[in-house]
Amino acid sequence: MSRKSAGDKYDERRCGLLAAERRLSSGNSVGVFETLVAFPREYAQAMGHLAFHRLYKQLSTWPDTVCARAFLPEKDEYNWRKRQGKPVEALDTGKSIKDSDLLVFLMPSEIDWFPALQMMELSEITFRNNQREHKWPILLATGLSITANPIPLSGFFDAFIIGETEPTLGPVLDIIKSLGSRRRPKSEILAGLAMLPGLYVPTIHGVDPKYSIMRQWASSDSVGALTDTISAHTIMPDTYILEIARGCPFNCRFCMTGYLLLPYREQRAEDLEAKIKKIPGETTLVYAACTPDSHDELNELMDIAAAGNVNARISSHMKESPELAEELPKILDAETLVLVPETGSETLRQVIGKFRSNDFYFKLVKDTSSDKKAIQINMQLGIPFENAEDRAGNVDFVKTILGLTKLPVSVRIDQFIPKPWTAFQWSGMANLREVREHRTELIESLTQIGVKEITGFDPRESHIHALLICGNHDVGMALEKKLEGVGWNTAFDHAGLDMNTVFESKDQSKKLPWEFLNMGFGYTRLAREYQMAVAAAEERAEKKNKIKSELE
């Protein structure tokens, strides 16, 4: 009996994923314009991401347009394709991702940038956009990380959507279809795209545009994306996701997502009811938003789902979690109560603009419903103005939680990264050596008080993430060098970049790489929020010194 080839095995895997999918509706089956949406993550994670479903729905239902999907191959398949010179294939057709008119990469996070280039490399797509002047497909990039700072990737993609896709993608498709059908050169098509609001076209605008490009956002009526496709092979098996709001009403000073999804928009229950009724009974539905608990009509939405025998739950069980706006893979089990205080220090929490007292979180634990089986606490280290007392406060906070509940408590620790378009974009990142020491100390202290499960971050990875999202066009050179298999230090050295720059505070009078973008709220607001944070830090320091002097 002959053994199956690797190619046959991976094609069977692709067909198996397709066969396991269940759809509420389907997109266009025929069209003159072939598009493909690529998510540089593996299928299981990508299909649990609401932004991907929203983008795919828009592309696959636009008139005369068909759309396929592509994902980062699993590790074994990726290595095989690299060895054999095989391109990344579309899940729906088995064709190379290169064989399309428009290739759209969704990149919600800077961690998606390098895998996107890996997919391009496997598929023999010329990297540099100035070397693809007459080559198709047109490469478009979108996602929160792109909206924040497209400059590091400006040498690779033909165009970038700045903001949300709903108001922008349709005109993009129409221009490409119209000019492409008349066989107009690619340069003319890109010039047409550059005229659209919210489109950054590097070969037209340059890496340092002379005028601002305005972020686009959808109206409230456009909020309410629903996943049409579910599967047992995702991180959220057989689960539908429905967007009930976009943006965050809290707008903490450190949260890039909160700023980039302004303004806060809710969709009314009566407008979502028809979509909820499409969902088969006895299935699971997740109501997704930055802060689903804040929706004015959440109870009504729960009632609508219950009437249809749909098991509805919300995407997070806390009052603030902006990262869940786009990162639905972070959703935990419905039986877990998640607390996101960021720090156990109330005064430091006020510095970063998260105005919640410790008692607020303690009350959530005391009021925990009987269906909760565990509690997770998310914290950050390396927050600007953090001191030893704040870090001790983290342990005290968790210790108090342990005393309030018999449920198992886990702690997740992340490192604070000052990101673009936040009040802390001018702040330096905490020193890696010190953060490693503080992480070790915190883990030891939490273990001593009885925390069984502690997830700690890798400071090295956090450093790379900061260098990417806060970088300029030279970061593109580092990414390209990294594809050769070298380490990040070698890659950044090749690009002539000092990896220590992210640890230094930025001069507010100097222009930042992403400053040519217009987010609709202006640098004045960010600068004001930053000064308020500095003032809050100074005030708490003065109070501490006063108390100390009185004791002496």
Protein backbone atom coordinates (compact mmCIF):
# COMPACT_ATOMS: atom_id res chain seq x y z
CA MET A 1 0.00 0.00 0.00
CA SER A 2 1.53 3.32 -1.08
CA ARG A 3 2.07 6.01 1.46
CA LYS A 4 0.39 9.40 1.01
CA SER A 5 2.64 12.27 0.03
CA ALA A 6 2.97 15.30 2.30
CA GLY A 7 1.18 17.37 -0.34
CA ASP A 8 -1.81 15.02 -0.26
CA LYS A 9 -1.84 15.07 3.54
CA TYR A 10 -1.95 18.85 3.72
CA ASP A 11 -4.59 19.06 1.01
CA GLU A 12 -6.70 16.61 3.01
CA ARG A 13 -6.21 18.83 6.06
CA ARG A 14 -7.44 21.83 4.07
CA CYS A 15 -10.47 19.96 2.76
CA GLY A 16 -11.20 18.62 6.23
CA LEU A 17 -11.31 22.12 7.68
CA LEU A 18 -13.71 23.21 4.95
CA ALA A 19 -15.95 20.19 5.46
CA ALA A 20 -16.20 20.86 9.20
CA GLU A 21 -17.44 24.42 8.74
CA ARG A 22 -21.08 25.41 9.16
CA ARG A 23 -22.38 28.62 7.61
CA LEU A 24 -25.42 30.77 8.14
CA SER A 25 -25.01 32.24 4.65
CA SER A 26 -22.47 32.27 1.87
CA GLY A 27 -20.73 34.93 -0.15
CA ASN A 28 -20.73 35.43 -3.90
CA SER A 29 -19.96 32.23 -5.82
CA VAL A 30 -19.00 34.02 -9.04
CA GLY A 31 -17.46 37.38 -9.77
CA VAL A 32 -15.09 39.19 -12.11
CA PHE A 33 -12.87 40.43 -9.28
CA GLU A 34 -10.95 37.88 -7.18
CA THR A 35 -9.97 38.95 -3.69
CA LEU A 36 -8.32 37.10 -0.86
CA VAL A 37 -8.17 37.97 2.83
CA ALA A 38 -5.09 36.62 4.59
CA PHE A 39 -4.68 36.39 8.34
CA PRO A 40 -1.08 35.57 9.34
CA ARG A 41 -2.17 33.28 12.17
CA GLU A 42 -3.10 29.63 12.14
CA TYR A 43 -6.69 28.68 11.27
CA ALA A 44 -7.79 27.79 14.81
CA GLN A 45 -6.88 31.19 16.21
CA ALA A 46 -7.80 33.29 13.18
CA MET A 47 -11.34 31.91 12.92
CA GLY A 48 -12.00 32.99 16.50
CA HIS A 49 -11.28 36.60 15.61
CA LEU A 50 -14.27 38.83 14.93
CA ALA A 51 -12.36 41.36 12.78
CA PHE A 52 -11.47 38.58 10.34
CA HIS A 53 -15.11 37.53 9.91
CA ARG A 54 -16.17 41.15 9.48
CA LEU A 55 -13.58 41.74 6.74
CA TYR A 56 -14.30 38.46 4.95
CA LYS A 57 -18.05 39.17 4.94
CA GLN A 58 -17.52 42.59 3.37
CA LEU A 59 -15.19 41.28 0.67
CA SER A 60 -17.24 38.20 -0.19
CA THR A 61 -20.56 40.01 -0.61
CA TRP A 62 -19.48 43.09 -2.58
CA PRO A 63 -21.00 43.12 -6.11
CA ASP A 64 -19.03 41.20 -8.76
CA THR A 65 -16.47 40.20 -6.13
CA VAL A 66 -15.48 36.77 -4.85
CA CYS A 67 -13.28 36.23 -1.83
CA ALA A 68 -11.19 33.37 -0.48
CA ARG A 69 -9.37 33.00 2.83
CA ALA A 70 -5.78 32.14 3.71
CA PHE A 71 -3.98 31.54 6.99
CA LEU A 72 -0.48 30.97 8.27
CA PRO A 73 0.23 27.26 7.73
CA GLU A 74 0.73 25.12 10.82
CA LYS A 75 4.37 24.63 11.72
CA ASP A 76 4.86 21.25 10.03
CA GLU A 77 3.16 22.41 6.85
CA TYR A 78 5.03 25.71 6.86
CA ASN A 79 8.39 23.91 7.04
CA TRP A 80 7.37 21.53 4.26
CA ARG A 81 6.25 24.36 2.00
CA LYS A 82 9.50 26.21 2.61
CA ARG A 83 11.59 23.14 1.80
CA GLN A 84 9.59 22.28 -1.31
CA GLY A 85 9.07 25.84 -2.57
CA LYS A 86 5.29 25.51 -2.29
CA PRO A 87 3.15 28.67 -1.93
CA VAL A 88 0.58 29.37 0.75
CA GLU A 89 -2.78 28.20 -0.59
CA ALA A 90 -6.23 29.67 -0.15
CA LEU A 91 -8.35 27.51 2.13
CA ASP A 92 -11.41 27.76 -0.14
CA THR A 93 -9.78 27.11 -3.53
CA GLY A 94 -6.37 25.52 -3.00
CA LYS A 95 -4.86 28.19 -5.27
CA SER A 96 -1.76 30.21 -4.42
CA ILE A 97 -2.50 33.46 -2.59
CA LYS A 98 -0.54 35.13 -5.36
CA ASP A 99 -3.31 34.25 -7.84
CA SER A 100 -5.74 37.02 -6.93
CA ASP A 101 -6.48 40.59 -7.96
CA LEU A 102 -6.43 42.00 -4.43
CA LEU A 103 -4.66 40.42 -1.46
CA VAL A 104 -5.73 41.92 1.87
CA PHE A 105 -3.67 41.18 4.98
CA LEU A 106 -5.42 41.64 8.31
CA MET A 107 -2.92 42.50 11.07
CA PRO A 108 -4.52 43.46 14.38
CA SER A 109 -1.19 43.25 16.21
CA GLU A 110 2.46 43.91 15.48
CA ILE A 111 3.04 40.19 16.12
CA ASP A 112 1.33 39.61 12.76
CA TRP A 113 3.85 41.59 10.73
CA PHE A 114 6.64 39.03 10.47
CA PRO A 115 4.30 36.06 9.74
CA ALA A 116 2.71 38.14 6.97
CA LEU A 117 6.11 38.51 5.32
CA GLN A 118 6.69 34.79 5.79
CA MET A 119 3.48 34.08 3.87
CA MET A 120 4.60 36.46 1.12
CA GLU A 121 8.02 34.80 0.95
CA LEU A 122 6.54 31.29 0.64
CA SER A 123 4.30 32.49 -2.17
CA GLU A 124 7.12 34.20 -4.06
CA ILE A 125 5.54 37.63 -3.80
CA THR A 126 8.15 40.32 -4.35
CA PHE A 127 8.64 42.08 -1.03
CA ARG A 128 9.38 45.67 -1.95
CA ASN A 129 6.44 47.58 -3.41
CA ASN A 130 8.74 49.68 -5.64
CA GLN A 131 9.86 46.43 -7.30
CA ARG A 132 6.25 45.31 -7.97
CA GLU A 133 5.19 48.31 -10.03
CA HIS A 134 3.60 46.14 -12.70
CA LYS A 135 2.99 42.97 -10.70
CA TRP A 136 -0.29 41.75 -9.28
CA PRO A 137 -2.00 41.25 -6.90
CA ILE A 138 -2.38 44.62 -5.23
CA LEU A 139 -1.38 44.20 -1.58
CA LEU A 140 -3.52 45.97 1.00
CA ALA A 141 -2.99 45.95 4.79
CA THR A 142 -5.51 46.68 7.51
CA GLY A 143 -5.98 46.16 11.25
CA LEU A 144 -5.39 48.04 14.50
CA SER A 145 -1.59 47.81 14.28
CA ILE A 146 -1.75 49.26 10.77
CA THR A 147 -3.93 52.13 11.89
CA ALA A 148 -1.51 52.83 14.75
CA ASN A 149 1.69 52.86 12.71
CA PRO A 150 1.94 51.69 9.08
CA ILE A 151 5.42 53.15 8.54
CA PRO A 152 7.46 50.00 9.40
CA LEU A 153 5.62 48.12 6.63
CA SER A 154 5.48 51.02 4.17
CA GLY A 155 8.08 49.40 1.91
CA PHE A 156 6.11 46.19 1.47
CA PHE A 157 2.42 46.92 0.90
CA ASP A 158 0.78 48.91 -1.87
CA ALA A 159 -1.79 50.58 0.37
CA PHE A 160 -2.94 50.72 3.99
CA ILE A 161 -6.43 51.29 5.39
CA ILE A 162 -6.20 53.74 8.28
CA GLY A 163 -9.17 53.04 10.54
CA GLU A 164 -12.15 50.74 10.13
CA THR A 165 -12.91 49.03 6.84
CA GLU A 166 -16.68 49.52 6.52
CA PRO A 167 -16.59 53.04 5.02
CA THR A 168 -13.37 52.48 3.06
CA LEU A 169 -13.20 49.01 1.54
CA GLY A 170 -16.12 49.44 -0.88
CA PRO A 171 -14.62 52.46 -2.68
CA VAL A 172 -11.26 50.62 -2.78
CA LEU A 173 -12.87 47.65 -4.54
CA ASP A 174 -14.77 49.88 -6.96
CA ILE A 175 -11.66 51.79 -8.03
CA ILE A 176 -9.60 48.65 -8.58
CA LYS A 177 -12.42 46.95 -10.50
CA SER A 178 -13.19 49.98 -12.62
CA LEU A 179 -9.62 50.83 -13.61
CA GLY A 180 -8.52 47.20 -13.76
CA SER A 181 -11.32 46.28 -16.18
CA ARG A 182 -10.02 49.01 -18.50
CA ARG A 183 -6.50 47.59 -18.19
CA ARG A 184 -5.17 50.75 -16.62
CA PRO A 185 -1.62 50.47 -15.21
CA LYS A 186 -1.15 49.63 -11.55
CA SER A 187 0.38 53.06 -10.91
CA GLU A 188 -2.86 54.72 -12.03
CA ILE A 189 -4.90 52.46 -9.76
CA LEU A 190 -2.70 53.32 -6.77
CA ALA A 191 -3.01 57.01 -7.58
CA GLY A 192 -6.78 56.58 -7.51
CA LEU A 193 -6.60 54.81 -4.13
CA ALA A 194 -4.43 57.61 -2.76
CA MET A 195 -7.30 60.03 -3.36
CA LEU A 196 -9.62 58.10 -1.02
CA PRO A 197 -9.98 59.23 2.60
CA GLY A 198 -8.26 56.85 5.00
CA LEU A 199 -5.91 55.34 2.42
CA TYR A 200 -2.15 55.58 2.82
CA VAL A 201 -0.31 54.68 -0.40
CA PRO A 202 3.48 54.79 0.24
CA THR A 203 4.55 55.06 -3.41
CA ILE A 204 2.31 58.13 -3.77
CA HIS A 205 2.42 59.73 -0.31
CA GLY A 206 6.00 58.75 0.56
CA VAL A 207 7.32 57.56 3.95
CA ASP A 208 6.93 61.07 5.37
CA PRO A 209 3.64 62.39 3.94
CA LYS A 210 3.27 66.16 3.72
CA TYR A 211 -0.39 66.15 4.67
CA SER A 212 -2.35 64.10 7.17
CA ILE A 213 -4.40 61.01 6.42
CA MET A 214 -7.64 60.83 8.37
CA ARG A 215 -8.64 57.70 10.24
CA GLN A 216 -12.03 56.39 9.13
CA TRP A 217 -14.64 54.91 11.43
CA ALA A 218 -17.97 53.23 10.84
CA SER A 219 -21.32 54.65 11.85
CA SER A 220 -23.28 53.10 14.69
CA ASP A 221 -25.53 51.42 12.11
CA SER A 222 -22.55 49.43 10.80
CA VAL A 223 -21.78 47.93 14.22
CA GLY A 224 -23.10 44.42 14.66
CA ALA A 225 -20.85 42.01 12.76
CA LEU A 226 -21.81 38.35 13.10
CA THR A 227 -19.69 35.33 12.33
CA ASP A 228 -21.36 33.44 9.50
CA THR A 229 -18.96 30.51 9.78
CA ILE A 230 -18.32 28.28 12.78
CA SER A 231 -16.23 25.14 13.18
CA ALA A 232 -15.16 22.61 15.79
CA HIS A 233 -11.54 23.27 14.82
CA THR A 234 -11.20 26.77 16.30
CA ILE A 235 -10.21 28.03 19.75
CA MET A 236 -13.90 28.81 20.22
CA PRO A 237 -15.46 25.59 18.90
CA ASP A 238 -18.90 25.85 17.33
CA THR A 239 -19.43 29.34 18.71
CA TYR A 240 -21.00 32.34 16.98
CA ILE A 241 -19.71 35.83 17.78
CA LEU A 242 -21.90 38.93 17.57
CA GLU A 243 -20.55 42.45 17.95
CA ILE A 244 -22.85 44.53 20.19
CA ALA A 245 -20.64 47.62 20.56
CA ARG A 246 -17.40 49.08 19.27
CA GLY A 247 -14.97 51.30 21.12
CA CYS A 248 -14.57 51.68 24.86
CA PRO A 249 -16.41 54.10 27.19
CA PHE A 250 -13.55 54.13 29.72
CA ASN A 251 -10.65 55.25 27.51
CA CYS A 252 -7.73 54.51 29.85
CA ARG A 253 -4.61 56.55 29.10
CA PHE A 254 -2.44 53.54 28.23
CA CYS A 255 -4.86 51.65 25.96
CA MET A 256 -4.17 52.00 22.23
CA THR A 257 -7.30 50.05 21.35
CA GLY A 258 -9.48 52.41 23.36
CA TYR A 259 -8.17 55.44 21.48
CA LEU A 260 -8.15 53.88 18.00
CA LEU A 261 -11.75 52.68 18.27
CA LEU A 262 -13.19 56.03 19.31
CA PRO A 263 -16.02 56.96 19.42
CA TYR A 264 -17.86 54.43 21.56
CA ARG A 265 -20.83 53.01 19.60
CA GLU A 266 -23.55 50.62 20.72
CA GLN A 267 -25.94 48.69 18.51
CA ARG A 268 -29.53 48.54 19.75
CA ALA A 269 -31.05 45.23 20.77
CA GLU A 270 -33.95 45.62 18.34
CA ASP A 271 -31.51 46.03 15.44
CA LEU A 272 -29.56 42.93 16.47
CA GLU A 273 -32.60 40.75 17.04
CA ALA A 274 -32.89 39.59 13.41
CA LYS A 275 -29.27 38.40 13.44
CA ILE A 276 -29.71 36.58 16.73
CA LYS A 277 -32.78 34.78 15.37
CA LYS A 278 -30.69 33.38 12.49
CA ILE A 279 -28.56 31.43 14.95
CA PRO A 280 -29.63 27.79 15.40
CA GLY A 281 -30.98 26.78 18.78
CA GLU A 282 -28.82 24.92 21.28
CA THR A 283 -25.66 26.62 20.06
CA THR A 284 -23.38 29.12 21.79
CA LEU A 285 -23.35 32.85 21.06
CA VAL A 286 -20.78 35.32 22.40
CA TYR A 287 -21.74 38.99 22.67
CA ALA A 288 -18.50 40.78 21.87
CA ALA A 289 -17.36 44.30 22.77
CA CYS A 290 -14.58 46.06 24.62
CA THR A 291 -16.85 46.25 27.65
CA PRO A 292 -19.97 44.15 27.02
CA ASP A 293 -21.19 44.69 30.60
CA SER A 294 -21.55 48.38 29.73
CA HIS A 295 -24.13 47.84 26.99
CA ASP A 296 -27.37 49.55 27.99
CA GLU A 297 -29.53 46.71 26.68
CA LEU A 298 -27.49 43.66 27.63
CA ASN A 299 -30.36 42.13 29.58
CA GLU A 300 -32.65 42.49 26.56
CA LEU A 301 -30.02 40.83 24.35
CA MET A 302 -29.77 37.93 26.78
CA ASP A 303 -33.55 37.55 26.73
CA ILE A 304 -33.67 37.52 22.92
CA ALA A 305 -31.07 34.73 22.81
CA ALA A 306 -32.84 32.73 25.51
CA ALA A 307 -36.12 32.96 23.60
CA GLY A 308 -34.40 31.25 20.67
CA ASN A 309 -32.81 28.60 22.91
CA VAL A 310 -29.37 30.07 22.20
CA ASN A 311 -26.75 29.88 24.94
CA ALA A 312 -25.54 33.49 25.09
CA ARG A 313 -22.63 34.83 27.10
CA ILE A 314 -20.44 37.90 26.98
CA SER A 315 -16.88 38.08 25.72
CA SER A 316 -15.42 38.97 29.11
CA HIS A 317 -16.59 38.92 32.67
CA MET A 318 -15.25 42.25 33.84
CA LYS A 319 -16.05 45.91 33.49
CA GLU A 320 -13.00 46.91 31.46
CA SER A 321 -11.12 44.91 28.87
CA PRO A 322 -10.48 46.93 25.71
CA GLU A 323 -8.06 44.39 24.25
CA LEU A 324 -11.01 42.06 23.69
CA ALA A 325 -12.34 44.45 21.08
CA GLU A 326 -10.19 42.82 18.43
CA GLU A 327 -8.42 40.01 20.25
CA LEU A 328 -11.28 37.59 20.77
CA PRO A 329 -8.82 34.69 21.10
CA LYS A 330 -8.18 36.04 24.60
CA ILE A 331 -11.71 35.11 25.66
CA LEU A 332 -11.67 32.70 28.56
CA ASP A 333 -14.17 30.09 29.57
CA ALA A 334 -17.56 31.44 30.58
CA GLU A 335 -17.01 29.97 34.03
CA THR A 336 -14.03 32.26 34.71
CA LEU A 337 -14.35 35.68 36.32
CA VAL A 338 -11.61 37.90 34.91
CA LEU A 339 -10.36 40.98 36.77
CA VAL A 340 -8.13 43.51 35.02
CA PRO A 341 -6.90 45.95 37.67
CA GLU A 342 -3.51 46.32 35.86
CA THR A 343 -1.94 47.01 39.28
CA GLY A 344 -2.84 46.50 42.90
CA SER A 345 -1.96 50.13 43.65
CA GLU A 346 -4.96 52.45 43.52
CA THR A 347 -2.80 55.56 43.15
CA LEU A 348 -0.81 54.09 40.25
CA ARG A 349 -4.06 52.99 38.64
CA GLN A 350 -5.20 56.62 38.73
CA VAL A 351 -1.94 57.67 37.04
CA ILE A 352 -2.72 55.47 34.03
CA GLY A 353 -6.30 56.70 33.94
CA LYS A 354 -8.06 53.60 35.22
CA PHE A 355 -10.32 55.05 37.87
CA ARG A 356 -11.38 51.95 39.74
CA SER A 357 -10.79 51.40 43.46
CA ASN A 358 -9.61 48.12 44.91
CA ASP A 359 -12.97 47.84 46.64
CA PHE A 360 -14.63 47.81 43.21
CA TYR A 361 -12.76 44.61 42.31
CA PHE A 362 -13.22 43.09 45.76
CA LYS A 363 -16.98 43.61 45.44
CA LEU A 364 -16.96 41.82 42.07
CA VAL A 365 -15.37 38.82 43.77
CA LYS A 366 -17.81 38.92 46.70
CA ASP A 367 -20.76 39.10 44.26
CA THR A 368 -19.47 36.34 42.01
CA SER A 369 -22.32 34.16 40.82
CA SER A 370 -22.42 30.46 41.66
CA ASP A 371 -21.74 29.45 38.04
CA LYS A 372 -18.17 30.79 38.20
CA LYS A 373 -15.52 28.15 38.77
CA ALA A 374 -12.33 30.23 38.74
CA ILE A 375 -10.92 33.75 38.91
CA GLN A 376 -8.14 35.24 36.80
CA ILE A 377 -6.35 38.48 37.65
CA ASN A 378 -4.49 40.35 34.89
CA MET A 379 -1.67 42.69 35.92
CA GLN A 380 1.15 44.62 34.29
CA LEU A 381 4.71 45.33 35.37
CA GLY A 382 6.83 48.25 34.20
CA ILE A 383 4.05 50.83 34.35
CA PRO A 384 5.42 54.40 34.19
CA PHE A 385 6.07 55.84 37.67
CA GLU A 386 5.83 52.36 39.24
CA ASN A 387 7.79 51.87 42.47
CA ALA A 388 8.51 49.14 45.03
CA GLU A 389 5.38 49.97 47.04
CA ASP A 390 3.23 49.53 43.95
CA ARG A 391 4.72 46.12 43.31
CA ALA A 392 4.13 45.12 46.93
CA GLY A 393 0.57 46.33 46.42
CA ASN A 394 0.15 43.75 43.66
CA VAL A 395 0.78 40.97 46.14
CA ASP A 396 -1.51 42.52 48.78
CA PHE A 397 -4.28 42.87 46.17
CA VAL A 398 -4.09 39.20 45.19
CA LYS A 399 -3.84 38.14 48.84
CA THR A 400 -7.07 39.99 49.60
CA ILE A 401 -8.80 38.27 46.67
CA LEU A 402 -7.67 34.90 47.99
CA GLY A 403 -9.23 35.74 51.33
CA LEU A 404 -12.56 36.60 49.71
CA THR A 405 -13.12 33.43 47.72
CA LYS A 406 -12.62 29.69 47.76
CA LEU A 407 -12.39 29.58 43.98
CA PRO A 408 -8.98 28.86 42.42
CA VAL A 409 -7.21 32.11 41.52
CA SER A 410 -4.72 32.46 38.65
CA VAL A 411 -2.61 35.50 37.79
CA ARG A 412 -1.48 36.66 34.38
CA ILE A 413 1.41 39.12 34.26
CA ASP A 414 2.14 41.28 31.20
CA GLN A 415 4.72 43.97 30.57
CA PHE A 416 3.61 47.54 29.99
CA ILE A 417 4.46 48.75 26.47
CA PRO A 418 4.07 52.50 25.77
CA LYS A 419 2.27 52.36 22.43
CA PRO A 420 1.47 54.90 19.70
CA TRP A 421 -1.67 56.97 20.05
CA THR A 422 -1.80 56.73 23.83
CA ALA A 423 -0.96 59.30 26.48
CA PHE A 424 2.21 57.31 27.26
CA GLN A 425 3.60 57.23 23.71
CA TRP A 426 6.37 59.59 24.85
CA SER A 427 7.33 57.39 27.83
CA GLY A 428 10.26 55.01 27.85
CA MET A 429 9.74 51.30 28.37
CA ALA A 430 10.95 49.87 31.69
CA ASN A 431 14.48 48.46 31.77
CA LEU A 432 14.49 44.75 30.87
CA ARG A 433 16.89 43.68 33.61
CA GLU A 434 14.80 45.35 36.29
CA VAL A 435 11.54 44.02 34.88
CA ARG A 436 12.94 40.47 34.89
CA GLU A 437 13.89 40.88 38.55
CA HIS A 438 10.49 42.31 39.42
CA ARG A 439 8.73 39.51 37.57
CA THR A 440 10.72 36.87 39.44
CA GLU A 441 10.02 38.57 42.77
CA LEU A 442 6.30 38.83 42.02
CA ILE A 443 6.02 35.19 40.97
CA GLU A 444 7.84 34.06 44.12
CA SER A 445 5.62 36.21 46.35
CA LEU A 446 2.41 35.05 44.66
CA THR A 447 3.49 31.43 44.98
CA GLN A 448 4.14 31.92 48.69
CA ILE A 449 0.62 33.22 49.32
CA GLY A 450 -0.94 30.26 47.56
CA VAL A 451 -1.45 31.16 43.88
CA LYS A 452 -1.13 27.92 41.93
CA GLU A 453 -1.21 29.18 38.34
CA ILE A 454 0.91 32.16 37.27
CA THR A 455 1.49 33.10 33.64
CA GLY A 456 4.49 35.35 33.15
CA PHE A 457 5.51 37.32 30.09
CA ASP A 458 8.83 37.08 28.24
CA PRO A 459 10.58 40.47 28.59
CA ARG A 460 12.53 39.76 25.42
CA GLU A 461 9.35 39.35 23.39
CA SER A 462 7.88 42.52 24.90
CA HIS A 463 11.04 44.37 23.87
CA ILE A 464 10.66 43.21 20.25
CA HIS A 465 6.97 44.12 20.20
CA ALA A 466 7.79 47.65 21.38
CA LEU A 467 10.51 48.05 18.75
CA LEU A 468 8.11 47.02 16.02
CA ILE A 469 5.00 49.03 16.90
CA CYS A 470 7.00 52.16 17.77
CA GLY A 471 9.39 51.90 14.84
CA ASN A 472 10.06 53.82 11.64
CA HIS A 473 10.62 52.61 8.07
CA ASP A 474 14.00 51.10 9.03
CA VAL A 475 12.12 48.42 10.98
CA GLY A 476 11.11 47.04 7.58
CA MET A 477 14.77 46.33 6.85
CA ALA A 478 15.04 44.45 10.14
CA LEU A 479 11.94 42.36 9.33
CA GLU A 480 13.34 41.51 5.90
CA LYS A 481 16.69 40.51 7.39
CA LYS A 482 14.94 38.39 10.01
CA LEU A 483 13.51 36.26 7.19
CA GLU A 484 17.04 35.01 6.55
CA GLY A 485 16.88 33.18 9.88
CA VAL A 486 19.05 35.53 11.90
CA GLY A 487 18.26 36.67 15.44
CA TRP A 488 16.47 39.91 16.22
CA ASN A 489 19.67 41.56 17.47
CA THR A 490 21.38 40.87 14.16
CA ALA A 491 18.32 41.98 12.21
CA PHE A 492 18.03 45.33 14.00
CA ASP A 493 21.79 45.86 13.83
CA HIS A 494 21.63 45.27 10.05
CA ALA A 495 18.97 47.98 9.84
CA GLY A 496 21.15 50.37 11.82
CA LEU A 497 18.65 50.59 14.67
CA ASP A 498 19.55 51.00 18.32
CA MET A 499 17.40 48.51 20.25
CA ASN A 500 17.72 50.61 23.42
CA THR A 501 15.75 53.55 22.01
CA VAL A 502 12.45 52.19 23.37
CA PHE A 503 13.80 52.55 26.91
CA GLU A 504 14.27 56.28 26.49
CA SER A 505 11.62 58.96 26.90
CA LYS A 506 10.72 60.78 23.69
CA ASP A 507 10.98 64.52 23.20
CA GLN A 508 7.46 65.84 22.70
CA SER A 509 8.75 68.49 20.32
CA LYS A 510 10.11 65.87 17.91
CA LYS A 511 7.93 64.27 15.27
CA LEU A 512 6.99 60.62 15.74
CA PRO A 513 6.85 58.23 12.74
CA TRP A 514 3.05 57.95 12.89
CA GLU A 515 2.36 61.63 13.45
CA PHE A 516 1.22 62.25 9.86
CA LEU A 517 -1.97 60.34 10.65
CA ASN A 518 -5.06 62.12 11.95
CA MET A 519 -6.98 60.09 14.51
CA GLY A 520 -9.74 62.63 14.99
CA PHE A 521 -8.73 63.57 18.51
CA GLY A 522 -5.34 65.20 18.01
CA TYR A 523 -2.03 65.23 19.81
CA THR A 524 -3.25 68.00 22.09
CA ARG A 525 -5.54 65.56 23.86
CA LEU A 526 -2.76 62.98 24.25
CA ALA A 527 -0.31 65.58 25.53
CA ARG A 528 -2.91 66.84 28.01
CA GLU A 529 -3.60 63.31 29.26
CA TYR A 530 0.13 62.68 29.62
CA GLN A 531 0.57 65.84 31.68
CA MET A 532 -2.35 64.78 33.84
CA ALA A 533 -0.61 61.44 34.42
CA VAL A 534 2.62 63.22 35.36
CA ALA A 535 0.70 65.52 37.72
CA ALA A 536 -1.03 62.52 39.34
CA ALA A 537 2.36 60.82 39.81
CA GLU A 538 3.84 63.97 41.36
CA GLU A 539 0.85 64.40 43.67
CA ARG A 540 1.10 60.89 45.04
CA ALA A 541 4.86 61.31 45.53
CA GLU A 542 4.25 64.51 47.49
CA LYS A 543 1.67 62.77 49.69
CA LYS A 544 4.08 59.93 50.34
CA ASN A 545 6.88 62.33 51.32
CA LYS A 546 4.52 64.29 53.57
CA ILE A 547 3.42 61.14 55.40
CA LYS A 548 7.04 60.07 55.73
CA SER A 549 8.12 63.40 57.19
CA GLU A 550 5.19 63.38 59.66
CA LEU A 551 6.20 59.94 60.89
CA GLU A 552 9.74 61.09 61.40
